[in-house]
């Protein structure tokens, strides 16, 4: 149903839940581009904006789950090397990986970048401290003191780097074959 054809606008109806009652709300949107960010800013439709928020939340949850699996794999592999960190199961490895990632990412957000060598050493010490805290926070994660946490932090960095190279090679190779 076209509201004003000379302006290329169309009427759109959104069903909105307000409290415990449903209501129908009419919103005018450009006919050619209903869901771009600039359109929803100029012509706000609660249904479209709510859909975008839900997409962002789902994307965030999927990202956390992917990070949990990758960090779990890395910690599980380092645990099998017997270098000062051991986990009872893959679930504990994922939980420890998320915990360590949260702490190190919080540090990265709070402290500005410094000299490359200084940053690397400080990040390694922070990671070792996060590993040590994960050992105290989770009963399925065992750490052999700060020295074991420091060695495990180095091993996690090396294993993560190698896995990143392997994944980049696999994804890059698949893209080259497909393209």
Foldseek 3Di string as FASTA:
>chain_A
DADDVVVQKRKDWDWDCDPNDIDIDIWIFRPPDRADPVGCVVTPDPVNVVVVVVVVVVVVVVVLVVQLQVQLVLLCVLQVVPQFKHFPDSNLSSVLSSQLVVQLVVVPVVDDDDPPVVVVVVSLLSSLVSLVVSCVVDVRMGGDPSNSSSRSSVSSVVSSVVVVVVVCVVVVVVVVVVD
